Amino acid sequence: MTPDGMEPATPTKSRIEYLEELGDALSARGFRVRLTLPRGQSPALHVANPAASALTETILVEQAPDGWWFWWSWSERITLADDVAGAADRIAAVLAAPL
């Protein structure tokens, strides 16, 4: 228990677990994904549209005061990390090949 009498928040998942779940959801939508673990940096998910090789993005997951969030590489939030389907839908829409 914390000094204020509240139960401490238990960690839900690790960054890698969140990114792996998102990678699975994006793979199921036909995207190529690669989890990267750069030395001294946070893990990231590289996502590529196989139909348009220029359409790629690196997705991060970071903890904020209001929970874990998926982030675009340009430092904009995507969705809460617990909303894997919502994040995958948004990423798929941004990386969709033009018709």
PDB file of N, CA and C in Angstrom:
ATOM      1  N   MET A   1       0.831  -1.166   0.000  1.00  0.00           N
ATOM      2  CA  MET A   1       0.000   0.000   0.000  1.00  0.00           C
ATOM      3  C   MET A   1       0.889   1.246   0.000  1.00  0.00           C
ATOM      4  N   THR A   2       0.435   2.285  -0.684  1.00  0.00           N
ATOM      5  CA  THR A   2       1.184   3.538  -0.733  1.00  0.00           C
ATOM      6  C   THR A   2       0.897   4.353   0.525  1.00  0.00           C
ATOM      7  N   PRO A   3       1.716   5.402   0.811  1.00  0.00           N
ATOM      8  CA  PRO A   3       1.485   6.216   2.010  1.00  0.00           C
ATOM      9  C   PRO A   3       0.096   6.839   2.092  1.00  0.00           C
ATOM     10  N   ASP A   4      -0.543   7.075   0.942  1.00  0.00           N
ATOM     11  CA  ASP A   4      -1.881   7.680   0.975  1.00  0.00           C
ATOM     12  C   ASP A   4      -2.990   6.643   1.136  1.00  0.00           C
ATOM     13  N   GLY A   5      -2.604   5.380   1.372  1.00  0.00           N
ATOM     14  CA  GLY A   5      -3.587   4.333   1.600  1.00  0.00           C
ATOM     15  C   GLY A   5      -4.115   3.685   0.327  1.00  0.00           C
ATOM     16  N   MET A   6      -3.597   4.081  -0.832  1.00  0.00           N
ATOM     17  CA  MET A   6      -4.063   3.525  -2.107  1.00  0.00           C
ATOM     18  C   MET A   6      -3.204   2.319  -2.480  1.00  0.00           C
ATOM     19  N   GLU A   7      -3.805   1.394  -3.155  1.00  0.00           N
ATOM     20  CA  GLU A   7      -3.056   0.266  -3.683  1.00  0.00           C
ATOM     21  C   GLU A   7      -2.225   0.757  -4.863  1.00  0.00           C
ATOM     22  N   PRO A   8      -0.941   0.375  -4.949  1.00  0.00           N
ATOM     23  CA  PRO A   8      -0.146   0.799  -6.101  1.00  0.00           C
ATOM     24  C   PRO A   8      -0.658   0.141  -7.370  1.00  0.00           C
ATOM     25  N   ALA A   9      -0.541   0.874  -8.465  1.00  0.00           N
ATOM     26  CA  ALA A   9      -0.964   0.318  -9.754  1.00  0.00           C
ATOM     27  C   ALA A   9      -0.020  -0.806 -10.144  1.00  0.00           C
ATOM     28  N   THR A  10      -0.589  -1.912 -10.557  1.00  0.00           N
ATOM     29  CA  THR A  10       0.252  -3.010 -11.006  1.00  0.00           C
ATOM     30  C   THR A  10       0.524  -2.838 -12.485  1.00  0.00           C
ATOM     31  N   PRO A  11       1.752  -3.111 -12.900  1.00  0.00           N
ATOM     32  CA  PRO A  11       2.053  -2.986 -14.318  1.00  0.00           C
ATOM     33  C   PRO A  11       1.175  -3.938 -15.119  1.00  0.00           C
ATOM     34  N   THR A  12       0.661  -3.452 -16.229  1.00  0.00           N
ATOM     35  CA  THR A  12      -0.198  -4.300 -17.049  1.00  0.00           C
ATOM     36  C   THR A  12       0.651  -5.149 -17.985  1.00  0.00           C
ATOM     37  N   LYS A  13       1.324  -4.519 -18.897  1.00  0.00           N
ATOM     38  CA  LYS A  13       2.146  -5.237 -19.871  1.00  0.00           C
ATOM     39  C   LYS A  13       3.435  -4.452 -20.086  1.00  0.00           C
ATOM     40  N   SER A  14       4.397  -5.111 -20.670  1.00  0.00           N
ATOM     41  CA  SER A  14       5.634  -4.429 -21.021  1.00  0.00           C
ATOM     42  C   SER A  14       5.472  -3.745 -22.382  1.00  0.00           C
ATOM     43  N   ARG A  15       6.380  -2.850 -22.694  1.00  0.00           N
ATOM     44  CA  ARG A  15       6.362  -2.198 -24.010  1.00  0.00           C
ATOM     45  C   ARG A  15       6.378  -3.232 -25.129  1.00  0.00           C
ATOM     46  N   ILE A  16       7.219  -4.221 -24.957  1.00  0.00           N
ATOM     47  CA  ILE A  16       7.347  -5.245 -26.004  1.00  0.00           C
ATOM     48  C   ILE A  16       6.041  -5.998 -26.177  1.00  0.00           C
ATOM     49  N   GLU A  17       5.368  -6.334 -25.080  1.00  0.00           N
ATOM     50  CA  GLU A  17       4.090  -7.052 -25.191  1.00  0.00           C
ATOM     51  C   GLU A  17       3.044  -6.210 -25.922  1.00  0.00           C
ATOM     52  N   TYR A  18       2.974  -4.910 -25.598  1.00  0.00           N
ATOM     53  CA  TYR A  18       2.033  -4.040 -26.308  1.00  0.00           C
ATOM     54  C   TYR A  18       2.360  -4.007 -27.804  1.00  0.00           C
ATOM     55  N   LEU A  19       3.629  -3.848 -28.129  1.00  0.00           N
ATOM     56  CA  LEU A  19       4.020  -3.764 -29.543  1.00  0.00           C
ATOM     57  C   LEU A  19       3.802  -5.087 -30.262  1.00  0.00           C
ATOM     58  N   GLU A  20       4.028  -6.195 -29.586  1.00  0.00           N
ATOM     59  CA  GLU A  20       3.780  -7.499 -30.209  1.00  0.00           C
ATOM     60  C   GLU A  20       2.297  -7.677 -30.524  1.00  0.00           C
ATOM     61  N   GLU A  21       1.429  -7.274 -29.598  1.00  0.00           N
ATOM     62  CA  GLU A  21      -0.016  -7.378 -29.857  1.00  0.00           C
ATOM     63  C   GLU A  21      -0.422  -6.508 -31.043  1.00  0.00           C
ATOM     64  N   LEU A  22       0.107  -5.298 -31.096  1.00  0.00           N
ATOM     65  CA  LEU A  22      -0.197  -4.417 -32.218  1.00  0.00           C
ATOM     66  C   LEU A  22       0.356  -5.003 -33.507  1.00  0.00           C
ATOM     67  N   GLY A  23       1.551  -5.553 -33.455  1.00  0.00           N
ATOM     68  CA  GLY A  23       2.139  -6.186 -34.638  1.00  0.00           C
ATOM     69  C   GLY A  23       1.281  -7.331 -35.153  1.00  0.00           C
ATOM     70  N   ASP A  24       0.755  -8.145 -34.244  1.00  0.00           N
ATOM     71  CA  ASP A  24      -0.126  -9.247 -34.650  1.00  0.00           C
ATOM     72  C   ASP A  24      -1.377  -8.707 -35.343  1.00  0.00           C
ATOM     73  N   ALA A  25      -1.962  -7.639 -34.780  1.00  0.00           N
ATOM     74  CA  ALA A  25      -3.174  -7.057 -35.369  1.00  0.00           C
ATOM     75  C   ALA A  25      -2.889  -6.465 -36.746  1.00  0.00           C
ATOM     76  N   LEU A  26      -1.740  -5.841 -36.910  1.00  0.00           N
ATOM     77  CA  LEU A  26      -1.396  -5.257 -38.216  1.00  0.00           C
ATOM     78  C   LEU A  26      -1.017  -6.338 -39.228  1.00  0.00           C
ATOM     79  N   SER A  27      -0.347  -7.386 -38.781  1.00  0.00           N
ATOM     80  CA  SER A  27      -0.035  -8.514 -39.676  1.00  0.00           C
ATOM     81  C   SER A  27      -1.319  -9.143 -40.207  1.00  0.00           C
ATOM     82  N   ALA A  28      -2.313  -9.270 -39.340  1.00  0.00           N
ATOM     83  CA  ALA A  28      -3.596  -9.832 -39.750  1.00  0.00           C
ATOM     84  C   ALA A  28      -4.284  -8.952 -40.791  1.00  0.00           C
ATOM     85  N   ARG A  29      -3.930  -7.671 -40.830  1.00  0.00           N
ATOM     86  CA  ARG A  29      -4.485  -6.739 -41.818  1.00  0.00           C
ATOM     87  C   ARG A  29      -3.623  -6.656 -43.073  1.00  0.00           C
ATOM     88  N   GLY A  30      -2.573  -7.476 -43.147  1.00  0.00           N
ATOM     89  CA  GLY A  30      -1.755  -7.549 -44.344  1.00  0.00           C
ATOM     90  C   GLY A  30      -0.498  -6.686 -44.346  1.00  0.00           C
ATOM     91  N   PHE A  31      -0.178  -6.067 -43.224  1.00  0.00           N
ATOM     92  CA  PHE A  31       1.018  -5.232 -43.155  1.00  0.00           C
ATOM     93  C   PHE A  31       2.225  -6.060 -42.728  1.00  0.00           C
ATOM     94  N   ARG A  32       3.408  -5.623 -43.154  1.00  0.00           N
ATOM     95  CA  ARG A  32       4.646  -6.231 -42.681  1.00  0.00           C
ATOM     96  C   ARG A  32       5.063  -5.480 -41.425  1.00  0.00           C
ATOM     97  N   VAL A  33       5.459  -6.214 -40.418  1.00  0.00           N
ATOM     98  CA  VAL A  33       5.873  -5.586 -39.164  1.00  0.00           C
ATOM     99  C   VAL A  33       7.199  -6.181 -38.708  1.00  0.00           C
ATOM    100  N   ARG A  34       7.958  -5.351 -37.997  1.00  0.00           N
ATOM    101  CA  ARG A  34       9.231  -5.800 -37.425  1.00  0.00           C
ATOM    102  C   ARG A  34       9.431  -5.076 -36.103  1.00  0.00           C
ATOM    103  N   LEU A  35       9.599  -5.835 -35.050  1.00  0.00           N
ATOM    104  CA  LEU A  35       9.882  -5.266 -33.741  1.00  0.00           C
ATOM    105  C   LEU A  35      11.373  -4.973 -33.682  1.00  0.00           C
ATOM    106  N   THR A  36      11.727  -3.746 -33.331  1.00  0.00           N
ATOM    107  CA  THR A  36      13.137  -3.373 -33.225  1.00  0.00           C
ATOM    108  C   THR A  36      13.469  -3.069 -31.772  1.00  0.00           C
ATOM    109  N   LEU A  37      14.658  -3.459 -31.376  1.00  0.00           N
ATOM    110  CA  LEU A  37      15.132  -3.254 -30.011  1.00  0.00           C
ATOM    111  C   LEU A  37      16.479  -2.539 -30.068  1.00  0.00           C
ATOM    112  N   PRO A  38      16.470  -1.258 -30.427  1.00  0.00           N
ATOM    113  CA  PRO A  38      17.741  -0.541 -30.546  1.00  0.00           C
ATOM    114  C   PRO A  38      18.412  -0.371 -29.178  1.00  0.00           C
ATOM    115  N   ARG A  39      19.714  -0.562 -29.161  1.00  0.00           N
ATOM    116  CA  ARG A  39      20.473  -0.446 -27.914  1.00  0.00           C
ATOM    117  C   ARG A  39      20.327   0.969 -27.345  1.00  0.00           C
ATOM    118  N   GLY A  40      19.947   1.053 -26.078  1.00  0.00           N
ATOM    119  CA  GLY A  40      19.845   2.332 -25.403  1.00  0.00           C
ATOM    120  C   GLY A  40      18.601   3.139 -25.743  1.00  0.00           C
ATOM    121  N   GLN A  41      17.664   2.555 -26.498  1.00  0.00           N
ATOM    122  CA  GLN A  41      16.432   3.254 -26.863  1.00  0.00           C
ATOM    123  C   GLN A  41      15.235   2.350 -26.588  1.00  0.00           C
ATOM    124  N   SER A  42      14.066   2.938 -26.650  1.00  0.00           N
ATOM    125  CA  SER A  42      12.840   2.170 -26.442  1.00  0.00           C
ATOM    126  C   SER A  42      12.587   1.246 -27.628  1.00  0.00           C
ATOM    127  N   PRO A  43      11.956   0.086 -27.379  1.00  0.00           N
ATOM    128  CA  PRO A  43      11.566  -0.771 -28.499  1.00  0.00           C
ATOM    129  C   PRO A  43      10.548  -0.050 -29.371  1.00  0.00           C
ATOM    130  N   ALA A  44      10.510  -0.432 -30.630  1.00  0.00           N
ATOM    131  CA  ALA A  44       9.594   0.197 -31.582  1.00  0.00           C
ATOM    132  C   ALA A  44       9.097  -0.857 -32.557  1.00  0.00           C
ATOM    133  N   LEU A  45       7.979  -0.550 -33.199  1.00  0.00           N
ATOM    134  CA  LEU A  45       7.405  -1.434 -34.201  1.00  0.00           C
ATOM    135  C   LEU A  45       7.485  -0.734 -35.546  1.00  0.00           C
ATOM    136  N   HIS A  46       8.216  -1.328 -36.474  1.00  0.00           N
ATOM    137  CA  HIS A  46       8.299  -0.782 -37.826  1.00  0.00           C
ATOM    138  C   HIS A  46       7.182  -1.448 -38.629  1.00  0.00           C
ATOM    139  N   VAL A  47       6.346  -0.631 -39.264  1.00  0.00           N
ATOM    140  CA  VAL A  47       5.191  -1.125 -40.016  1.00  0.00           C
ATOM    141  C   VAL A  47       5.330  -0.683 -41.462  1.00  0.00           C
ATOM    142  N   ALA A  48       5.115  -1.604 -42.393  1.00  0.00           N
ATOM    143  CA  ALA A  48       5.231  -1.283 -43.814  1.00  0.00           C
ATOM    144  C   ALA A  48       4.046  -1.857 -44.571  1.00  0.00           C
ATOM    145  N   ASN A  49       3.581  -1.084 -45.556  1.00  0.00           N
ATOM    146  CA  ASN A  49       2.529  -1.541 -46.455  1.00  0.00           C
ATOM    147  C   ASN A  49       3.223  -2.269 -47.603  1.00  0.00           C
ATOM    148  N   PRO A  50       3.011  -3.582 -47.751  1.00  0.00           N
ATOM    149  CA  PRO A  50       3.706  -4.321 -48.803  1.00  0.00           C
ATOM    150  C   PRO A  50       3.285  -3.914 -50.213  1.00  0.00           C
ATOM    151  N   ALA A  51       2.137  -3.268 -50.348  1.00  0.00           N
ATOM    152  CA  ALA A  51       1.667  -2.835 -51.673  1.00  0.00           C
ATOM    153  C   ALA A  51       2.243  -1.479 -52.070  1.00  0.00           C
ATOM    154  N   ALA A  52       2.848  -0.767 -51.130  1.00  0.00           N
ATOM    155  CA  ALA A  52       3.413   0.559 -51.403  1.00  0.00           C
ATOM    156  C   ALA A  52       4.595   0.759 -50.464  1.00  0.00           C
ATOM    157  N   SER A  53       5.785   0.423 -50.930  1.00  0.00           N
ATOM    158  CA  SER A  53       6.959   0.382 -50.060  1.00  0.00           C
ATOM    159  C   SER A  53       7.299   1.723 -49.412  1.00  0.00           C
ATOM    160  N   ALA A  54       6.824   2.827 -49.956  1.00  0.00           N
ATOM    161  CA  ALA A  54       7.093   4.137 -49.350  1.00  0.00           C
ATOM    162  C   ALA A  54       6.219   4.390 -48.123  1.00  0.00           C
ATOM    163  N   LEU A  55       5.176   3.605 -47.946  1.00  0.00           N
ATOM    164  CA  LEU A  55       4.261   3.805 -46.828  1.00  0.00           C
ATOM    165  C   LEU A  55       4.727   2.968 -45.640  1.00  0.00           C
ATOM    166  N   THR A  56       5.542   3.588 -44.803  1.00  0.00           N
ATOM    167  CA  THR A  56       6.072   2.932 -43.607  1.00  0.00           C
ATOM    168  C   THR A  56       5.949   3.876 -42.417  1.00  0.00           C
ATOM    169  N   GLU A  57       6.004   3.315 -41.251  1.00  0.00           N
ATOM    170  CA  GLU A  57       5.941   4.132 -40.033  1.00  0.00           C
ATOM    171  C   GLU A  57       6.569   3.348 -38.891  1.00  0.00           C
ATOM    172  N   THR A  58       7.118   4.072 -37.947  1.00  0.00           N
ATOM    173  CA  THR A  58       7.651   3.488 -36.728  1.00  0.00           C
ATOM    174  C   THR A  58       6.735   3.883 -35.580  1.00  0.00           C
ATOM    175  N   ILE A  59       6.232   2.893 -34.867  1.00  0.00           N
ATOM    176  CA  ILE A  59       5.280   3.108 -33.779  1.00  0.00           C
ATOM    177  C   ILE A  59       5.985   2.830 -32.451  1.00  0.00           C
ATOM    178  N   LEU A  60       5.750   3.716 -31.503  1.00  0.00           N
ATOM    179  CA  LEU A  60       6.301   3.570 -30.160  1.00  0.00           C
ATOM    180  C   LEU A  60       5.165   3.368 -29.173  1.00  0.00           C
ATOM    181  N   VAL A  61       5.492   2.912 -27.990  1.00  0.00           N
ATOM    182  CA  VAL A  61       4.523   2.840 -26.890  1.00  0.00           C
ATOM    183  C   VAL A  61       5.213   3.428 -25.667  1.00  0.00           C
ATOM    184  N   GLU A  62       4.539   4.392 -25.045  1.00  0.00           N
ATOM    185  CA  GLU A  62       5.109   5.091 -23.896  1.00  0.00           C
ATOM    186  C   GLU A  62       4.034   5.264 -22.828  1.00  0.00           C
ATOM    187  N   GLN A  63       4.487   5.296 -21.589  1.00  0.00           N
ATOM    188  CA  GLN A  63       3.566   5.493 -20.477  1.00  0.00           C
ATOM    189  C   GLN A  63       3.410   6.984 -20.195  1.00  0.00           C
ATOM    190  N   ALA A  64       2.163   7.406 -20.019  1.00  0.00           N
ATOM    191  CA  ALA A  64       1.816   8.775 -19.644  1.00  0.00           C
ATOM    192  C   ALA A  64       1.039   8.697 -18.327  1.00  0.00           C
ATOM    193  N   PRO A  65       0.775   9.830 -17.706  1.00  0.00           N
ATOM    194  CA  PRO A  65       0.012   9.794 -16.452  1.00  0.00           C
ATOM    195  C   PRO A  65      -1.351   9.104 -16.586  1.00  0.00           C
ATOM    196  N   ASP A  66      -1.920   9.133 -17.779  1.00  0.00           N
ATOM    197  CA  ASP A  66      -3.237   8.528 -17.984  1.00  0.00           C
ATOM    198  C   ASP A  66      -3.172   7.149 -18.631  1.00  0.00           C
ATOM    199  N   GLY A  67      -2.014   6.503 -18.616  1.00  0.00           N
ATOM    200  CA  GLY A  67      -1.896   5.144 -19.137  1.00  0.00           C
ATOM    201  C   GLY A  67      -0.845   5.017 -20.225  1.00  0.00           C
ATOM    202  N   TRP A  68      -0.759   3.806 -20.773  1.00  0.00           N
ATOM    203  CA  TRP A  68       0.164   3.530 -21.877  1.00  0.00           C
ATOM    204  C   TRP A  68      -0.502   3.928 -23.182  1.00  0.00           C
ATOM    205  N   TRP A  69       0.258   4.556 -24.073  1.00  0.00           N
ATOM    206  CA  TRP A  69      -0.240   5.030 -25.355  1.00  0.00           C
ATOM    207  C   TRP A  69       0.657   4.568 -26.494  1.00  0.00           C
ATOM    208  N   PHE A  70       0.038   4.269 -27.642  1.00  0.00           N
ATOM    209  CA  PHE A  70       0.798   4.110 -28.880  1.00  0.00           C
ATOM    210  C   PHE A  70       1.031   5.503 -29.443  1.00  0.00           C
ATOM    211  N   TRP A  71       2.215   5.710 -30.001  1.00  0.00           N
ATOM    212  CA  TRP A  71       2.605   7.025 -30.535  1.00  0.00           C
ATOM    213  C   TRP A  71       3.141   6.893 -31.955  1.00  0.00           C
ATOM    214  N   TRP A  72       2.811   7.870 -32.781  1.00  0.00           N
ATOM    215  CA  TRP A  72       3.439   8.006 -34.095  1.00  0.00           C
ATOM    216  C   TRP A  72       4.881   8.477 -33.890  1.00  0.00           C
ATOM    217  N   SER A  73       5.703   8.321 -34.889  1.00  0.00           N
ATOM    218  CA  SER A  73       7.100   8.763 -34.794  1.00  0.00           C
ATOM    219  C   SER A  73       7.209  10.278 -34.680  1.00  0.00           C
ATOM    220  N   TRP A  74       6.177  11.006 -35.079  1.00  0.00           N
ATOM    221  CA  TRP A  74       6.215  12.469 -34.997  1.00  0.00           C
ATOM    222  C   TRP A  74       5.631  12.981 -33.670  1.00  0.00           C
ATOM    223  N   SER A  75       5.608  12.124 -32.664  1.00  0.00           N
ATOM    224  CA  SER A  75       5.219  12.468 -31.287  1.00  0.00           C
ATOM    225  C   SER A  75       3.756  12.861 -31.137  1.00  0.00           C
ATOM    226  N   GLU A  76       2.898  12.170 -31.829  1.00  0.00           N
ATOM    227  CA  GLU A  76       1.451  12.357 -31.682  1.00  0.00           C
ATOM    228  C   GLU A  76       0.855  11.031 -31.217  1.00  0.00           C
ATOM    229  N   ARG A  77      -0.056  11.114 -30.265  1.00  0.00           N
ATOM    230  CA  ARG A  77      -0.701   9.903 -29.753  1.00  0.00           C
ATOM    231  C   ARG A  77      -1.602   9.278 -30.811  1.00  0.00           C
ATOM    232  N   ILE A  78      -1.656   7.939 -30.777  1.00  0.00           N
ATOM    233  CA  ILE A  78      -2.561   7.206 -31.669  1.00  0.00           C
ATOM    234  C   ILE A  78      -3.801   6.806 -30.873  1.00  0.00           C
ATOM    235  N   THR A  79      -3.640   5.883 -29.935  1.00  0.00           N
ATOM    236  CA  THR A  79      -4.712   5.463 -29.030  1.00  0.00           C
ATOM    237  C   THR A  79      -4.063   4.941 -27.753  1.00  0.00           C
ATOM    238  N   LEU A  80      -4.888   4.753 -26.739  1.00  0.00           N
ATOM    239  CA  LEU A  80      -4.407   4.038 -25.571  1.00  0.00           C
ATOM    240  C   LEU A  80      -3.928   2.653 -26.006  1.00  0.00           C
ATOM    241  N   ALA A  81      -2.881   2.167 -25.396  1.00  0.00           N
ATOM    242  CA  ALA A  81      -2.299   0.890 -25.820  1.00  0.00           C
ATOM    243  C   ALA A  81      -3.225  -0.297 -25.578  1.00  0.00           C
ATOM    244  N   ASP A  82      -4.213  -0.151 -24.694  1.00  0.00           N
ATOM    245  CA  ASP A  82      -5.172  -1.240 -24.493  1.00  0.00           C
ATOM    246  C   ASP A  82      -6.158  -1.352 -25.651  1.00  0.00           C
ATOM    247  N   ASP A  83      -6.218  -0.346 -26.512  1.00  0.00           N
ATOM    248  CA  ASP A  83      -7.111  -0.362 -27.679  1.00  0.00           C
ATOM    249  C   ASP A  83      -6.312  -0.765 -28.920  1.00  0.00           C
ATOM    250  N   VAL A  84      -5.882  -2.010 -28.938  1.00  0.00           N
ATOM    251  CA  VAL A  84      -5.038  -2.501 -30.035  1.00  0.00           C
ATOM    252  C   VAL A  84      -5.782  -2.439 -31.367  1.00  0.00           C
ATOM    253  N   ALA A  85      -7.032  -2.845 -31.395  1.00  0.00           N
ATOM    254  CA  ALA A  85      -7.796  -2.826 -32.645  1.00  0.00           C
ATOM    255  C   ALA A  85      -7.953  -1.396 -33.164  1.00  0.00           C
ATOM    256  N   GLY A  86      -8.240  -0.456 -32.278  1.00  0.00           N
ATOM    257  CA  GLY A  86      -8.378   0.942 -32.683  1.00  0.00           C
ATOM    258  C   GLY A  86      -7.071   1.494 -33.232  1.00  0.00           C
ATOM    259  N   ALA A  87      -5.964   1.161 -32.573  1.00  0.00           N
ATOM    260  CA  ALA A  87      -4.654   1.619 -33.050  1.00  0.00           C
ATOM    261  C   ALA A  87      -4.349   1.011 -34.417  1.00  0.00           C
ATOM    262  N   ALA A  88      -4.610  -0.279 -34.566  1.00  0.00           N
ATOM    263  CA  ALA A  88      -4.347  -0.945 -35.847  1.00  0.00           C
ATOM    264  C   ALA A  88      -5.195  -0.332 -36.958  1.00  0.00           C
ATOM    265  N   ASP A  89      -6.442  -0.013 -36.669  1.00  0.00           N
ATOM    266  CA  ASP A  89      -7.312   0.616 -37.674  1.00  0.00           C
ATOM    267  C   ASP A  89      -6.762   1.976 -38.104  1.00  0.00           C
ATOM    268  N   ARG A  90      -6.328   2.797 -37.142  1.00  0.00           N
ATOM    269  CA  ARG A  90      -5.797   4.130 -37.467  1.00  0.00           C
ATOM    270  C   ARG A  90      -4.506   4.021 -38.265  1.00  0.00           C
ATOM    271  N   ILE A  91      -3.618   3.124 -37.858  1.00  0.00           N
ATOM    272  CA  ILE A  91      -2.353   2.952 -38.566  1.00  0.00           C
ATOM    273  C   ILE A  91      -2.613   2.440 -39.974  1.00  0.00           C
ATOM    274  N   ALA A  92      -3.507   1.473 -40.099  1.00  0.00           N
ATOM    275  CA  ALA A  92      -3.858   0.939 -41.425  1.00  0.00           C
ATOM    276  C   ALA A  92      -4.417   2.030 -42.328  1.00  0.00           C
ATOM    277  N   ALA A  93      -5.234   2.913 -41.782  1.00  0.00           N
ATOM    278  CA  ALA A  93      -5.807   3.993 -42.584  1.00  0.00           C
ATOM    279  C   ALA A  93      -4.720   4.953 -43.071  1.00  0.00           C
ATOM    280  N   VAL A  94      -3.773   5.276 -42.210  1.00  0.00           N
ATOM    281  CA  VAL A  94      -2.701   6.199 -42.597  1.00  0.00           C
ATOM    282  C   VAL A  94      -1.768   5.553 -43.620  1.00  0.00           C
ATOM    283  N   LEU A  95      -1.521   4.256 -43.487  1.00  0.00           N
ATOM    284  CA  LEU A  95      -0.595   3.578 -44.386  1.00  0.00           C
ATOM    285  C   LEU A  95      -1.289   2.908 -45.576  1.00  0.00           C
ATOM    286  N   ALA A  96      -2.548   3.202 -45.785  1.00  0.00           N
ATOM    287  CA  ALA A  96      -3.288   2.598 -46.907  1.00  0.00           C
ATOM    288  C   ALA A  96      -2.737   3.099 -48.236  1.00  0.00           C
ATOM    289  N   ALA A  97      -2.618   2.189 -49.175  1.00  0.00           N
ATOM    290  CA  ALA A  97      -2.148   2.560 -50.521  1.00  0.00           C
ATOM    291  C   ALA A  97      -3.252   3.311 -51.246  1.00  0.00           C
ATOM    292  N   PRO A  98      -2.877   4.375 -51.938  1.00  0.00           N
ATOM    293  CA  PRO A  98      -3.905   5.111 -52.707  1.00  0.00           C
ATOM    294  C   PRO A  98      -4.463   4.223 -53.812  1.00  0.00           C
ATOM    295  N   LEU A  99      -5.705   4.458 -54.119  1.00  0.00           N
ATOM    296  CA  LEU A  99      -6.368   3.649 -55.176  1.00  0.00           C
ATOM    297  C   LEU A  99      -6.026   4.158 -56.544  1.00  0.00           C
TER     298      LEU A  99
END
